[in-house]
ModelCIF file with pLDDT and N, C-alpha, C, O atoms, coordinates in Angstrom:
data_MODEL
#
_entry.id   MODEL 
#
_entity.id                         1 
_entity.type                       polymer 
_entity.pdbx_number_of_molecules   1 
#
_entity_poly.entity_id                      1 
_entity_poly.type                           'polypeptide(L)' 
_entity_poly.nstd_linkage                   no 
_entity_poly.nstd_monomer                   no 
_entity_poly.pdbx_seq_one_letter_code       THYIFSYSTNENVEVFEKAKNEVIGIFEVREWWDTKGKKEGPLVNR 
_entity_poly.pdbx_seq_one_letter_code_can   THYIFSYSTNENVEVFEKAKNEVIGIFEVREWWDTKGKKEGPLVNR 
_entity_poly.pdbx_strand_id                 A 
#
loop_
_entity_poly_seq.entity_id 
_entity_poly_seq.num 
_entity_poly_seq.mon_id 
_entity_poly_seq.hetero 
1 1  THR n 
1 2  HIS n 
1 3  TYR n 
1 4  ILE n 
1 5  PHE n 
1 6  SER n 
1 7  TYR n 
1 8  SER n 
1 9  THR n 
1 10 ASN n 
1 11 GLU n 
1 12 ASN n 
1 13 VAL n 
1 14 GLU n 
1 15 VAL n 
1 16 PHE n 
1 17 GLU n 
1 18 LYS n 
1 19 ALA n 
1 20 LYS n 
1 21 ASN n 
1 22 GLU n 
1 23 VAL n 
1 24 ILE n 
1 25 GLY n 
1 26 ILE n 
1 27 PHE n 
1 28 GLU n 
1 29 VAL n 
1 30 ARG n 
1 31 GLU n 
1 32 TRP n 
1 33 TRP n 
1 34 ASP n 
1 35 THR n 
1 36 LYS n 
1 37 GLY n 
1 38 LYS n 
1 39 LYS n 
1 40 GLU n 
1 41 GLY n 
1 42 PRO n 
1 43 LEU n 
1 44 VAL n 
1 45 ASN n 
1 46 ARG n 
#
_struct_asym.id          A 
_struct_asym.entity_id   1 
#
loop_
_ma_qa_metric.id 
_ma_qa_metric.mode 
_ma_qa_metric.name 
_ma_qa_metric.software_group_id 
_ma_qa_metric.type 
1 global pLDDT . pLDDT 
2 local  pLDDT . pLDDT 
#
_ma_qa_metric_global.metric_id      1 
_ma_qa_metric_global.metric_value   84.59 
_ma_qa_metric_global.model_id       1 
_ma_qa_metric_global.ordinal_id     1 
#
loop_
_ma_qa_metric_local.label_asym_id 
_ma_qa_metric_local.label_comp_id 
_ma_qa_metric_local.label_seq_id 
_ma_qa_metric_local.metric_id 
_ma_qa_metric_local.metric_value 
_ma_qa_metric_local.model_id 
_ma_qa_metric_local.ordinal_id 
A THR 1  2 96.00 1 1  
A HIS 2  2 97.00 1 2  
A TYR 3  2 97.00 1 3  
A ILE 4  2 98.00 1 4  
A PHE 5  2 97.00 1 5  
A SER 6  2 97.00 1 6  
A TYR 7  2 94.00 1 7  
A SER 8  2 91.00 1 8  
A THR 9  2 85.00 1 9  
A ASN 10 2 85.00 1 10 
A GLU 11 2 89.00 1 11 
A ASN 12 2 93.00 1 12 
A VAL 13 2 93.00 1 13 
A GLU 14 2 94.00 1 14 
A VAL 15 2 96.00 1 15 
A PHE 16 2 96.00 1 16 
A GLU 17 2 96.00 1 17 
A LYS 18 2 96.00 1 18 
A ALA 19 2 97.00 1 19 
A LYS 20 2 96.00 1 20 
A ASN 21 2 96.00 1 21 
A GLU 22 2 96.00 1 22 
A VAL 23 2 96.00 1 23 
A ILE 24 2 95.00 1 24 
A GLY 25 2 95.00 1 25 
A ILE 26 2 97.00 1 26 
A PHE 27 2 96.00 1 27 
A GLU 28 2 95.00 1 28 
A VAL 29 2 93.00 1 29 
A ARG 30 2 92.00 1 30 
A GLU 31 2 91.00 1 31 
A TRP 32 2 89.00 1 32 
A TRP 33 2 88.00 1 33 
A ASP 34 2 87.00 1 34 
A THR 35 2 85.00 1 35 
A LYS 36 2 77.00 1 36 
A GLY 37 2 63.00 1 37 
A LYS 38 2 62.00 1 38 
A LYS 39 2 61.00 1 39 
A GLU 40 2 59.00 1 40 
A GLY 41 2 55.00 1 41 
A PRO 42 2 51.00 1 42 
A LEU 43 2 50.00 1 43 
A VAL 44 2 48.00 1 44 
A ASN 45 2 48.00 1 45 
A ARG 46 2 43.00 1 46 
#
loop_
_atom_site.group_PDB 
_atom_site.id 
_atom_site.type_symbol 
_atom_site.label_atom_id 
_atom_site.label_alt_id 
_atom_site.label_comp_id 
_atom_site.label_asym_id 
_atom_site.label_entity_id 
_atom_site.label_seq_id 
_atom_site.pdbx_PDB_ins_code 
_atom_site.Cartn_x 
_atom_site.Cartn_y 
_atom_site.Cartn_z 
_atom_site.occupancy 
_atom_site.B_iso_or_equiv 
_atom_site.pdbx_formal_charge 
_atom_site.auth_seq_id 
_atom_site.auth_comp_id 
_atom_site.auth_asym_id 
_atom_site.auth_atom_id 
_atom_site.pdbx_PDB_model_num 
ATOM 1   N N  . THR A 1 1  ? -26.358 53.519 -84.877 1.00 96.00 ? 1  THR A N  1 
ATOM 2   C CA . THR A 1 1  ? -25.771 52.274 -84.392 1.00 96.00 ? 1  THR A CA 1 
ATOM 3   C C  . THR A 1 1  ? -23.750 52.605 -83.973 1.00 96.00 ? 1  THR A C  1 
ATOM 4   O O  . THR A 1 1  ? -22.882 51.774 -83.707 1.00 96.00 ? 1  THR A O  1 
ATOM 5   N N  . HIS A 1 2  ? -23.646 54.183 -84.088 1.00 97.00 ? 2  HIS A N  1 
ATOM 6   C CA . HIS A 1 2  ? -22.335 54.655 -83.540 1.00 97.00 ? 2  HIS A CA 1 
ATOM 7   C C  . HIS A 1 2  ? -22.361 55.623 -82.650 1.00 97.00 ? 2  HIS A C  1 
ATOM 8   O O  . HIS A 1 2  ? -23.427 56.157 -82.346 1.00 97.00 ? 2  HIS A O  1 
ATOM 9   N N  . TYR A 1 3  ? -21.010 56.042 -82.024 1.00 97.00 ? 3  TYR A N  1 
ATOM 10  C CA . TYR A 1 3  ? -20.847 57.242 -81.421 1.00 97.00 ? 3  TYR A CA 1 
ATOM 11  C C  . TYR A 1 3  ? -19.654 57.661 -82.254 1.00 97.00 ? 3  TYR A C  1 
ATOM 12  O O  . TYR A 1 3  ? -18.798 56.892 -82.693 1.00 97.00 ? 3  TYR A O  1 
ATOM 13  N N  . ILE A 1 4  ? -19.706 59.132 -82.439 1.00 98.00 ? 4  ILE A N  1 
ATOM 14  C CA . ILE A 1 4  ? -18.462 59.911 -82.839 1.00 98.00 ? 4  ILE A CA 1 
ATOM 15  C C  . ILE A 1 4  ? -17.963 60.462 -81.847 1.00 98.00 ? 4  ILE A C  1 
ATOM 16  O O  . ILE A 1 4  ? -18.492 61.225 -81.039 1.00 98.00 ? 4  ILE A O  1 
ATOM 17  N N  . PHE A 1 5  ? -16.532 59.928 -81.922 1.00 97.00 ? 5  PHE A N  1 
ATOM 18  C CA . PHE A 1 5  ? -15.814 60.866 -80.399 1.00 97.00 ? 5  PHE A CA 1 
ATOM 19  C C  . PHE A 1 5  ? -14.385 61.374 -81.256 1.00 97.00 ? 5  PHE A C  1 
ATOM 20  O O  . PHE A 1 5  ? -14.042 61.062 -82.397 1.00 97.00 ? 5  PHE A O  1 
ATOM 21  N N  . SER A 1 6  ? -13.656 62.324 -80.203 1.00 97.00 ? 6  SER A N  1 
ATOM 22  C CA . SER A 1 6  ? -12.951 63.057 -80.231 1.00 97.00 ? 6  SER A CA 1 
ATOM 23  C C  . SER A 1 6  ? -11.920 62.928 -78.878 1.00 97.00 ? 6  SER A C  1 
ATOM 24  O O  . SER A 1 6  ? -12.176 62.750 -77.688 1.00 97.00 ? 6  SER A O  1 
ATOM 25  N N  . TYR A 1 7  ? -10.948 63.058 -79.433 1.00 94.00 ? 7  TYR A N  1 
ATOM 26  C CA . TYR A 1 7  ? -9.537  63.404 -78.220 1.00 94.00 ? 7  TYR A CA 1 
ATOM 27  C C  . TYR A 1 7  ? -8.888  64.207 -78.633 1.00 94.00 ? 7  TYR A C  1 
ATOM 28  O O  . TYR A 1 7  ? -9.358  64.679 -79.668 1.00 94.00 ? 7  TYR A O  1 
ATOM 29  N N  . SER A 1 8  ? -7.495  64.858 -78.162 1.00 91.00 ? 8  SER A N  1 
ATOM 30  C CA . SER A 1 8  ? -6.522  65.589 -78.270 1.00 91.00 ? 8  SER A CA 1 
ATOM 31  C C  . SER A 1 8  ? -5.191  65.133 -78.003 1.00 91.00 ? 8  SER A C  1 
ATOM 32  O O  . SER A 1 8  ? -4.912  64.675 -76.895 1.00 91.00 ? 8  SER A O  1 
ATOM 33  N N  . THR A 1 9  ? -4.442  65.208 -78.817 1.00 85.00 ? 9  THR A N  1 
ATOM 34  C CA . THR A 1 9  ? -3.258  64.859 -78.625 1.00 85.00 ? 9  THR A CA 1 
ATOM 35  C C  . THR A 1 9  ? -2.036  65.869 -79.267 1.00 85.00 ? 9  THR A C  1 
ATOM 36  O O  . THR A 1 9  ? -1.678  65.845 -80.445 1.00 85.00 ? 9  THR A O  1 
ATOM 37  N N  . ASN A 1 10 ? -1.544  66.666 -78.317 1.00 85.00 ? 10 ASN A N  1 
ATOM 38  C CA . ASN A 1 10 ? -0.454  68.025 -78.370 1.00 85.00 ? 10 ASN A CA 1 
ATOM 39  C C  . ASN A 1 10 ? -1.491  68.729 -79.340 1.00 85.00 ? 10 ASN A C  1 
ATOM 40  O O  . ASN A 1 10 ? -2.679  68.861 -79.043 1.00 85.00 ? 10 ASN A O  1 
ATOM 41  N N  . GLU A 1 11 ? -0.915  69.181 -80.563 1.00 89.00 ? 11 GLU A N  1 
ATOM 42  C CA . GLU A 1 11 ? -1.896  70.271 -81.425 1.00 89.00 ? 11 GLU A CA 1 
ATOM 43  C C  . GLU A 1 11 ? -3.342  69.323 -82.185 1.00 89.00 ? 11 GLU A C  1 
ATOM 44  O O  . GLU A 1 11 ? -4.375  69.785 -82.669 1.00 89.00 ? 11 GLU A O  1 
ATOM 45  N N  . ASN A 1 12 ? -2.969  68.089 -82.065 1.00 93.00 ? 12 ASN A N  1 
ATOM 46  C CA . ASN A 1 12 ? -3.926  67.504 -82.711 1.00 93.00 ? 12 ASN A CA 1 
ATOM 47  C C  . ASN A 1 12 ? -5.178  67.089 -82.307 1.00 93.00 ? 12 ASN A C  1 
ATOM 48  O O  . ASN A 1 12 ? -5.255  67.005 -81.081 1.00 93.00 ? 12 ASN A O  1 
ATOM 49  N N  . VAL A 1 13 ? -6.295  66.769 -82.965 1.00 93.00 ? 13 VAL A N  1 
ATOM 50  C CA . VAL A 1 13 ? -7.641  66.742 -82.788 1.00 93.00 ? 13 VAL A CA 1 
ATOM 51  C C  . VAL A 1 13 ? -8.198  65.458 -83.428 1.00 93.00 ? 13 VAL A C  1 
ATOM 52  O O  . VAL A 1 13 ? -8.845  65.768 -84.429 1.00 93.00 ? 13 VAL A O  1 
ATOM 53  N N  . GLU A 1 14 ? -8.185  64.171 -83.223 1.00 94.00 ? 14 GLU A N  1 
ATOM 54  C CA . GLU A 1 14 ? -8.499  63.204 -83.602 1.00 94.00 ? 14 GLU A CA 1 
ATOM 55  C C  . GLU A 1 14 ? -10.029 62.468 -83.461 1.00 94.00 ? 14 GLU A C  1 
ATOM 56  O O  . GLU A 1 14 ? -10.519 62.004 -82.431 1.00 94.00 ? 14 GLU A O  1 
ATOM 57  N N  . VAL A 1 15 ? -10.621 62.509 -84.810 1.00 96.00 ? 15 VAL A N  1 
ATOM 58  C CA . VAL A 1 15 ? -12.131 62.051 -84.537 1.00 96.00 ? 15 VAL A CA 1 
ATOM 59  C C  . VAL A 1 15 ? -12.123 60.641 -84.996 1.00 96.00 ? 15 VAL A C  1 
ATOM 60  O O  . VAL A 1 15 ? -11.223 60.349 -85.784 1.00 96.00 ? 15 VAL A O  1 
ATOM 61  N N  . PHE A 1 16 ? -13.070 59.588 -84.602 1.00 96.00 ? 16 PHE A N  1 
ATOM 62  C CA . PHE A 1 16 ? -13.010 58.171 -84.584 1.00 96.00 ? 16 PHE A CA 1 
ATOM 63  C C  . PHE A 1 16 ? -14.359 58.080 -84.497 1.00 96.00 ? 16 PHE A C  1 
ATOM 64  O O  . PHE A 1 16 ? -14.976 59.098 -84.182 1.00 96.00 ? 16 PHE A O  1 
ATOM 65  N N  . GLU A 1 17 ? -15.044 56.909 -84.745 1.00 96.00 ? 17 GLU A N  1 
ATOM 66  C CA . GLU A 1 17 ? -16.447 56.452 -84.732 1.00 96.00 ? 17 GLU A CA 1 
ATOM 67  C C  . GLU A 1 17 ? -16.247 55.191 -84.194 1.00 96.00 ? 17 GLU A C  1 
ATOM 68  O O  . GLU A 1 17 ? -15.256 54.553 -84.549 1.00 96.00 ? 17 GLU A O  1 
ATOM 69  N N  . LYS A 1 18 ? -17.067 54.708 -83.357 1.00 96.00 ? 18 LYS A N  1 
ATOM 70  C CA . LYS A 1 18 ? -16.996 53.529 -82.701 1.00 96.00 ? 18 LYS A CA 1 
ATOM 71  C C  . LYS A 1 18 ? -18.398 52.759 -82.553 1.00 96.00 ? 18 LYS A C  1 
ATOM 72  O O  . LYS A 1 18 ? -19.323 53.268 -81.920 1.00 96.00 ? 18 LYS A O  1 
ATOM 73  N N  . ALA A 1 19 ? -18.499 51.553 -83.147 1.00 97.00 ? 19 ALA A N  1 
ATOM 74  C CA . ALA A 1 19 ? -19.795 50.662 -82.919 1.00 97.00 ? 19 ALA A CA 1 
ATOM 75  C C  . ALA A 1 19 ? -20.420 50.649 -81.516 1.00 97.00 ? 19 ALA A C  1 
ATOM 76  O O  . ALA A 1 19 ? -19.810 50.187 -80.552 1.00 97.00 ? 19 ALA A O  1 
ATOM 77  N N  . LYS A 1 20 ? -21.660 51.169 -81.428 1.00 96.00 ? 20 LYS A N  1 
ATOM 78  C CA . LYS A 1 20 ? -22.255 51.086 -79.867 1.00 96.00 ? 20 LYS A CA 1 
ATOM 79  C C  . LYS A 1 20 ? -21.978 50.045 -79.302 1.00 96.00 ? 20 LYS A C  1 
ATOM 80  O O  . LYS A 1 20 ? -21.616 49.931 -78.131 1.00 96.00 ? 20 LYS A O  1 
ATOM 81  N N  . ASN A 1 21 ? -22.192 48.821 -80.446 1.00 96.00 ? 21 ASN A N  1 
ATOM 82  C CA . ASN A 1 21 ? -21.979 47.052 -79.520 1.00 96.00 ? 21 ASN A CA 1 
ATOM 83  C C  . ASN A 1 21 ? -20.492 47.054 -79.059 1.00 96.00 ? 21 ASN A C  1 
ATOM 84  O O  . ASN A 1 21 ? -19.877 46.008 -78.849 1.00 96.00 ? 21 ASN A O  1 
ATOM 85  N N  . GLU A 1 22 ? -20.013 48.161 -78.931 1.00 96.00 ? 22 GLU A N  1 
ATOM 86  C CA . GLU A 1 22 ? -18.596 48.037 -78.834 1.00 96.00 ? 22 GLU A CA 1 
ATOM 87  C C  . GLU A 1 22 ? -18.087 48.628 -77.406 1.00 96.00 ? 22 GLU A C  1 
ATOM 88  O O  . GLU A 1 22 ? -17.041 48.334 -76.828 1.00 96.00 ? 22 GLU A O  1 
ATOM 89  N N  . VAL A 1 23 ? -18.766 49.238 -77.124 1.00 96.00 ? 23 VAL A N  1 
ATOM 90  C CA . VAL A 1 23 ? -18.897 50.236 -76.129 1.00 96.00 ? 23 VAL A CA 1 
ATOM 91  C C  . VAL A 1 23 ? -19.401 49.833 -74.996 1.00 96.00 ? 23 VAL A C  1 
ATOM 92  O O  . VAL A 1 23 ? -20.631 49.835 -74.934 1.00 96.00 ? 23 VAL A O  1 
ATOM 93  N N  . ILE A 1 24 ? -18.531 49.323 -73.640 1.00 95.00 ? 24 ILE A N  1 
ATOM 94  C CA . ILE A 1 24 ? -19.353 48.573 -72.517 1.00 95.00 ? 24 ILE A CA 1 
ATOM 95  C C  . ILE A 1 24 ? -20.083 49.880 -72.076 1.00 95.00 ? 24 ILE A C  1 
ATOM 96  O O  . ILE A 1 24 ? -21.312 49.835 -72.036 1.00 95.00 ? 24 ILE A O  1 
ATOM 97  N N  . GLY A 1 25 ? -19.491 50.959 -71.765 1.00 95.00 ? 25 GLY A N  1 
ATOM 98  C CA . GLY A 1 25 ? -20.121 51.917 -71.141 1.00 95.00 ? 25 GLY A CA 1 
ATOM 99  C C  . GLY A 1 25 ? -19.777 53.221 -71.070 1.00 95.00 ? 25 GLY A C  1 
ATOM 100 O O  . GLY A 1 25 ? -18.568 53.306 -71.284 1.00 95.00 ? 25 GLY A O  1 
ATOM 101 N N  . ILE A 1 26 ? -20.393 54.557 -70.820 1.00 97.00 ? 26 ILE A N  1 
ATOM 102 C CA . ILE A 1 26 ? -19.840 55.886 -71.035 1.00 97.00 ? 26 ILE A CA 1 
ATOM 103 C C  . ILE A 1 26 ? -20.300 56.396 -69.639 1.00 97.00 ? 26 ILE A C  1 
ATOM 104 O O  . ILE A 1 26 ? -21.397 56.098 -69.168 1.00 97.00 ? 26 ILE A O  1 
ATOM 105 N N  . PHE A 1 27 ? -19.401 57.177 -69.013 1.00 96.00 ? 27 PHE A N  1 
ATOM 106 C CA . PHE A 1 27 ? -19.451 57.834 -67.729 1.00 96.00 ? 27 PHE A CA 1 
ATOM 107 C C  . PHE A 1 27 ? -19.078 58.943 -67.508 1.00 96.00 ? 27 PHE A C  1 
ATOM 108 O O  . PHE A 1 27 ? -18.081 59.359 -68.097 1.00 96.00 ? 27 PHE A O  1 
ATOM 109 N N  . GLU A 1 28 ? -19.684 59.649 -66.708 1.00 95.00 ? 28 GLU A N  1 
ATOM 110 C CA . GLU A 1 28 ? -19.272 61.319 -65.886 1.00 95.00 ? 28 GLU A CA 1 
ATOM 111 C C  . GLU A 1 28 ? -17.828 60.802 -65.531 1.00 95.00 ? 28 GLU A C  1 
ATOM 112 O O  . GLU A 1 28 ? -17.383 59.714 -65.165 1.00 95.00 ? 28 GLU A O  1 
ATOM 113 N N  . VAL A 1 29 ? -17.269 62.070 -65.801 1.00 93.00 ? 29 VAL A N  1 
ATOM 114 C CA . VAL A 1 29 ? -15.574 61.682 -65.525 1.00 93.00 ? 29 VAL A CA 1 
ATOM 115 C C  . VAL A 1 29 ? -15.698 61.589 -64.193 1.00 93.00 ? 29 VAL A C  1 
ATOM 116 O O  . VAL A 1 29 ? -15.655 60.482 -63.657 1.00 93.00 ? 29 VAL A O  1 
ATOM 117 N N  . ARG A 1 30 ? -15.886 62.833 -63.406 1.00 92.00 ? 30 ARG A N  1 
ATOM 118 C CA . ARG A 1 30 ? -15.979 62.640 -61.839 1.00 92.00 ? 30 ARG A CA 1 
ATOM 119 C C  . ARG A 1 30 ? -16.468 61.921 -61.175 1.00 92.00 ? 30 ARG A C  1 
ATOM 120 O O  . ARG A 1 30 ? -16.034 61.781 -60.032 1.00 92.00 ? 30 ARG A O  1 
ATOM 121 N N  . GLU A 1 31 ? -17.938 60.930 -61.783 1.00 91.00 ? 31 GLU A N  1 
ATOM 122 C CA . GLU A 1 31 ? -18.564 59.848 -61.267 1.00 91.00 ? 31 GLU A CA 1 
ATOM 123 C C  . GLU A 1 31 ? -17.455 58.637 -61.091 1.00 91.00 ? 31 GLU A C  1 
ATOM 124 O O  . GLU A 1 31 ? -17.314 58.010 -60.041 1.00 91.00 ? 31 GLU A O  1 
ATOM 125 N N  . TRP A 1 32 ? -16.618 58.394 -62.415 1.00 89.00 ? 32 TRP A N  1 
ATOM 126 C CA . TRP A 1 32 ? -16.082 57.648 -62.916 1.00 89.00 ? 32 TRP A CA 1 
ATOM 127 C C  . TRP A 1 32 ? -14.827 57.736 -61.834 1.00 89.00 ? 32 TRP A C  1 
ATOM 128 O O  . TRP A 1 32 ? -14.697 56.972 -60.877 1.00 89.00 ? 32 TRP A O  1 
ATOM 129 N N  . TRP A 1 33 ? -14.032 58.699 -62.140 1.00 88.00 ? 33 TRP A N  1 
ATOM 130 C CA . TRP A 1 33 ? -12.908 59.115 -61.216 1.00 88.00 ? 33 TRP A CA 1 
ATOM 131 C C  . TRP A 1 33 ? -13.191 58.520 -59.441 1.00 88.00 ? 33 TRP A C  1 
ATOM 132 O O  . TRP A 1 33 ? -12.618 57.573 -58.902 1.00 88.00 ? 33 TRP A O  1 
ATOM 133 N N  . ASP A 1 34 ? -14.228 59.416 -58.844 1.00 87.00 ? 34 ASP A N  1 
ATOM 134 C CA . ASP A 1 34 ? -14.473 58.873 -57.391 1.00 87.00 ? 34 ASP A CA 1 
ATOM 135 C C  . ASP A 1 34 ? -14.829 57.306 -57.386 1.00 87.00 ? 34 ASP A C  1 
ATOM 136 O O  . ASP A 1 34 ? -14.682 56.711 -56.319 1.00 87.00 ? 34 ASP A O  1 
ATOM 137 N N  . THR A 1 35 ? -15.158 56.797 -58.194 1.00 85.00 ? 35 THR A N  1 
ATOM 138 C CA . THR A 1 35 ? -15.691 55.136 -58.216 1.00 85.00 ? 35 THR A CA 1 
ATOM 139 C C  . THR A 1 35 ? -14.479 54.116 -58.175 1.00 85.00 ? 35 THR A C  1 
ATOM 140 O O  . THR A 1 35 ? -14.138 53.251 -57.368 1.00 85.00 ? 35 THR A O  1 
ATOM 141 N N  . LYS A 1 36 ? -13.822 54.709 -59.722 1.00 77.00 ? 36 LYS A N  1 
ATOM 142 C CA . LYS A 1 36 ? -12.872 53.401 -59.790 1.00 77.00 ? 36 LYS A CA 1 
ATOM 143 C C  . LYS A 1 36 ? -11.412 54.355 -60.210 1.00 77.00 ? 36 LYS A C  1 
ATOM 144 O O  . LYS A 1 36 ? -10.366 53.830 -59.829 1.00 77.00 ? 36 LYS A O  1 
ATOM 145 N N  . GLY A 1 37 ? -11.318 55.238 -60.701 1.00 63.00 ? 37 GLY A N  1 
ATOM 146 C CA . GLY A 1 37 ? -10.136 56.053 -60.987 1.00 63.00 ? 37 GLY A CA 1 
ATOM 147 C C  . GLY A 1 37 ? -9.402  55.947 -59.805 1.00 63.00 ? 37 GLY A C  1 
ATOM 148 O O  . GLY A 1 37 ? -8.451  55.228 -60.110 1.00 63.00 ? 37 GLY A O  1 
ATOM 149 N N  . LYS A 1 38 ? -9.306  56.246 -58.662 1.00 62.00 ? 38 LYS A N  1 
ATOM 150 C CA . LYS A 1 38 ? -8.948  56.323 -57.142 1.00 62.00 ? 38 LYS A CA 1 
ATOM 151 C C  . LYS A 1 38 ? -7.860  55.096 -57.297 1.00 62.00 ? 38 LYS A C  1 
ATOM 152 O O  . LYS A 1 38 ? -6.637  55.234 -57.279 1.00 62.00 ? 38 LYS A O  1 
ATOM 153 N N  . LYS A 1 39 ? -8.661  53.740 -57.470 1.00 61.00 ? 39 LYS A N  1 
ATOM 154 C CA . LYS A 1 39 ? -7.956  52.690 -57.419 1.00 61.00 ? 39 LYS A CA 1 
ATOM 155 C C  . LYS A 1 39 ? -7.494  51.985 -58.538 1.00 61.00 ? 39 LYS A C  1 
ATOM 156 O O  . LYS A 1 39 ? -7.375  50.767 -58.407 1.00 61.00 ? 39 LYS A O  1 
ATOM 157 N N  . GLU A 1 40 ? -7.166  52.579 -59.775 1.00 59.00 ? 40 GLU A N  1 
ATOM 158 C CA . GLU A 1 40 ? -6.678  52.083 -61.004 1.00 59.00 ? 40 GLU A CA 1 
ATOM 159 C C  . GLU A 1 40 ? -5.112  53.111 -61.062 1.00 59.00 ? 40 GLU A C  1 
ATOM 160 O O  . GLU A 1 40 ? -4.045  52.860 -61.622 1.00 59.00 ? 40 GLU A O  1 
ATOM 161 N N  . GLY A 1 41 ? -5.459  54.097 -60.386 1.00 55.00 ? 41 GLY A N  1 
ATOM 162 C CA . GLY A 1 41 ? -4.311  55.043 -60.560 1.00 55.00 ? 41 GLY A CA 1 
ATOM 163 C C  . GLY A 1 41 ? -4.412  55.697 -61.554 1.00 55.00 ? 41 GLY A C  1 
ATOM 164 O O  . GLY A 1 41 ? -5.418  55.424 -62.208 1.00 55.00 ? 41 GLY A O  1 
ATOM 165 N N  . PRO A 1 42 ? -3.375  56.959 -62.216 1.00 51.00 ? 42 PRO A N  1 
ATOM 166 C CA . PRO A 1 42 ? -3.790  58.014 -62.798 1.00 51.00 ? 42 PRO A CA 1 
ATOM 167 C C  . PRO A 1 42 ? -3.709  57.236 -64.571 1.00 51.00 ? 42 PRO A C  1 
ATOM 168 O O  . PRO A 1 42 ? -2.949  56.382 -65.028 1.00 51.00 ? 42 PRO A O  1 
ATOM 169 N N  . LEU A 1 43 ? -4.807  57.969 -65.166 1.00 50.00 ? 43 LEU A N  1 
ATOM 170 C CA . LEU A 1 43 ? -5.319  57.621 -66.758 1.00 50.00 ? 43 LEU A CA 1 
ATOM 171 C C  . LEU A 1 43 ? -4.776  58.359 -67.788 1.00 50.00 ? 43 LEU A C  1 
ATOM 172 O O  . LEU A 1 43 ? -4.952  59.569 -67.644 1.00 50.00 ? 43 LEU A O  1 
ATOM 173 N N  . VAL A 1 44 ? -3.977  57.927 -69.104 1.00 48.00 ? 44 VAL A N  1 
ATOM 174 C CA . VAL A 1 44 ? -3.683  58.840 -69.464 1.00 48.00 ? 44 VAL A CA 1 
ATOM 175 C C  . VAL A 1 44 ? -3.809  58.109 -71.143 1.00 48.00 ? 44 VAL A C  1 
ATOM 176 O O  . VAL A 1 44 ? -2.879  57.534 -71.709 1.00 48.00 ? 44 VAL A O  1 
ATOM 177 N N  . ASN A 1 45 ? -5.188  58.317 -71.707 1.00 48.00 ? 45 ASN A N  1 
ATOM 178 C CA . ASN A 1 45 ? -5.637  57.638 -73.143 1.00 48.00 ? 45 ASN A CA 1 
ATOM 179 C C  . ASN A 1 45 ? -4.949  55.922 -72.993 1.00 48.00 ? 45 ASN A C  1 
ATOM 180 O O  . ASN A 1 45 ? -4.633  55.549 -74.123 1.00 48.00 ? 45 ASN A O  1 
ATOM 181 N N  . ARG A 1 46 ? -4.766  55.249 -72.335 1.00 43.00 ? 46 ARG A N  1 
ATOM 182 C CA . ARG A 1 46 ? -4.248  54.097 -72.506 1.00 43.00 ? 46 ARG A CA 1 
ATOM 183 C C  . ARG A 1 46 ? -4.501  53.549 -73.946 1.00 43.00 ? 46 ARG A C  1 
ATOM 184 O O  . ARG A 1 46 ? -4.064  52.445 -74.272 1.00 43.00 ? 46 ARG A O  1 
#
C-alpha cells in the first residue's frame, strides 16, 4: 500500500512513506527531464 522514499538536504537524509494512491507517477529521471523538465525549468524539491 505504500512507497518508502528518501531525499537529502545538506547533511540530513529524510525518510518518509507515501500511500500508493497518493502517487500519480514514478518516472526515470532522464526520461522525465527530456520530456517535461526542459519545459518547466529548474526543479529543486518543490
